[in-house]
């Protein structure tokens, strides 16, 4: 019975943690964690000729001051059916994923379009 109760508590706490979101500014404190981050997109850029054709979105502030970068690889971008650097500009979105450091700045890589929610 004790094991079932412990498992139940773990599952409930996992669900609550995954449902909560943080701001882009807080992402730097959560490197290595898989979280949900919500905020405004202040701009972005599509690097069509770079390896992987990434799109970079700036959440929380305009580049270079943005506290979080959202990286969308070219293959995921193609599935979106729109140009995210244009369509998501000035919109509030949420992104789920693991916060990593890329060149000293927090970043979340979008591997599946289901990671993004437009508010």
Protein backbone atom coordinates (compact mmCIF):
# COMPACT_ATOMS: atom_id res chain seq x y z
CA UNK A 1 0.00 0.00 0.00
CA UNK A 2 2.85 2.34 0.84
CA UNK A 3 4.42 1.76 -2.59
CA UNK A 4 1.14 2.55 -4.36
CA UNK A 5 0.75 5.77 -2.36
CA UNK A 6 4.34 6.81 -3.19
CA UNK A 7 3.75 6.08 -6.88
CA UNK A 8 0.50 8.05 -6.81
CA UNK A 9 2.25 11.07 -5.22
CA UNK A 10 5.02 10.90 -7.81
CA UNK A 11 2.56 10.80 -10.70
CA UNK A 12 0.51 13.71 -9.33
CA UNK A 13 3.61 15.84 -8.73
CA UNK A 14 4.90 15.04 -12.23
CA UNK A 15 1.60 16.09 -13.77
CA UNK A 16 1.47 19.34 -11.78
CA UNK A 17 5.08 20.17 -12.67
CA UNK A 18 4.51 19.53 -16.37
CA UNK A 19 1.36 21.67 -16.40
CA UNK A 20 3.10 24.69 -14.90
CA UNK A 21 4.90 27.17 -17.10
CA UNK A 22 7.69 29.63 -16.49
CA UNK A 23 8.71 32.87 -18.16
CA UNK A 24 11.53 33.17 -20.69
CA UNK A 25 13.57 35.07 -18.10
CA UNK A 26 13.39 32.10 -15.70
CA UNK A 27 14.62 29.58 -18.31
CA UNK A 28 18.30 30.27 -17.55
CA UNK A 29 17.74 28.81 -14.07
CA UNK A 30 16.36 25.57 -15.51
CA UNK A 31 19.18 24.37 -17.82
CA UNK A 32 18.78 20.63 -18.37
CA UNK A 33 15.12 20.56 -17.34
CA UNK A 34 12.21 19.72 -19.63
CA UNK A 35 9.70 22.49 -19.02
CA UNK A 36 7.00 24.67 -20.52
CA UNK A 37 7.98 28.28 -21.20
CA UNK A 38 5.46 30.94 -22.20
CA UNK A 39 6.12 34.42 -23.52
CA UNK A 40 5.99 36.87 -26.38
CA UNK A 41 7.97 36.37 -29.58
CA UNK A 42 9.84 39.57 -30.39
CA UNK A 43 11.24 38.45 -33.72
CA UNK A 44 13.15 35.75 -35.45
CA UNK A 45 15.19 34.77 -38.43
CA UNK A 46 15.22 31.93 -40.94
CA UNK A 47 18.73 30.76 -41.84
CA UNK A 48 17.81 29.05 -45.10
CA UNK A 49 21.38 28.48 -46.31
CA UNK A 50 22.82 27.31 -42.97
CA UNK A 51 23.18 23.64 -42.07
CA UNK A 52 19.77 22.27 -41.13
CA UNK A 53 18.02 25.49 -42.27
CA UNK A 54 17.12 26.55 -38.71
CA UNK A 55 14.66 29.22 -37.68
CA UNK A 56 15.53 31.09 -34.49
CA UNK A 57 12.79 32.85 -32.52
CA UNK A 58 13.53 35.39 -29.77
CA UNK A 59 11.27 35.00 -26.74
CA UNK A 60 11.02 37.63 -24.03
CA UNK A 61 12.94 40.43 -25.82
CA UNK A 62 14.43 41.31 -29.18
CA UNK A 63 17.81 39.93 -30.26
CA UNK A 64 20.44 40.14 -28.79
CA UNK A 65 18.74 40.71 -25.43
CA UNK A 66 16.30 37.78 -25.66
CA UNK A 67 16.46 35.56 -22.58
CA UNK A 68 15.41 32.45 -24.54
CA UNK A 69 15.90 31.30 -28.11
CA UNK A 70 13.56 28.79 -29.72
CA UNK A 71 15.28 26.81 -32.48
CA UNK A 72 13.13 25.17 -35.14
CA UNK A 73 15.07 22.88 -37.51
CA UNK A 74 14.24 23.11 -41.22
CA UNK A 75 12.46 19.74 -41.35
CA UNK A 76 10.09 20.78 -38.55
CA UNK A 77 9.57 24.20 -40.13
CA UNK A 78 8.41 22.52 -43.36
CA UNK A 79 5.66 20.70 -41.41
CA UNK A 80 4.39 23.96 -39.91
CA UNK A 81 2.97 25.29 -43.18
CA UNK A 82 3.93 28.88 -42.39
CA UNK A 83 6.99 31.05 -41.72
CA UNK A 84 7.23 31.06 -37.90
CA UNK A 85 9.53 34.12 -37.80
CA UNK A 86 6.72 36.09 -39.46
CA UNK A 87 3.53 34.44 -38.17
CA UNK A 88 4.60 34.21 -34.52
CA UNK A 89 6.10 37.69 -34.23
CA UNK A 90 4.30 39.72 -31.53
CA UNK A 91 2.32 36.63 -30.47
CA UNK A 92 2.32 34.96 -27.08
CA UNK A 93 3.24 31.30 -27.33
CA UNK A 94 4.25 28.42 -25.11
CA UNK A 95 6.97 25.93 -25.97
CA UNK A 96 7.69 22.63 -24.25
CA UNK A 97 11.13 21.11 -24.26
CA UNK A 98 14.50 20.71 -22.64
CA UNK A 99 16.39 23.92 -21.91
CA UNK A 100 19.96 23.71 -23.18
CA UNK A 101 22.80 26.18 -23.41
CA UNK A 102 23.87 27.18 -26.90
CA UNK A 103 26.74 29.64 -27.09
CA UNK A 104 26.05 30.58 -23.48
CA UNK A 105 22.34 31.34 -23.96
CA UNK A 106 19.27 29.28 -23.02
CA UNK A 107 17.58 27.57 -25.94
CA UNK A 108 14.80 25.06 -26.57
CA UNK A 109 14.90 22.97 -29.73
CA UNK A 110 11.54 22.14 -31.30
CA UNK A 111 11.59 18.56 -32.61
CA UNK A 112 7.83 18.33 -33.17
CA UNK A 113 5.26 21.03 -33.90
CA UNK A 114 3.17 19.74 -30.99
CA UNK A 115 5.74 21.38 -28.67
CA UNK A 116 4.38 24.82 -29.67
CA UNK A 117 1.11 26.38 -28.51
CA UNK A 118 -0.07 29.74 -29.80
CA UNK A 119 -1.95 31.59 -27.08
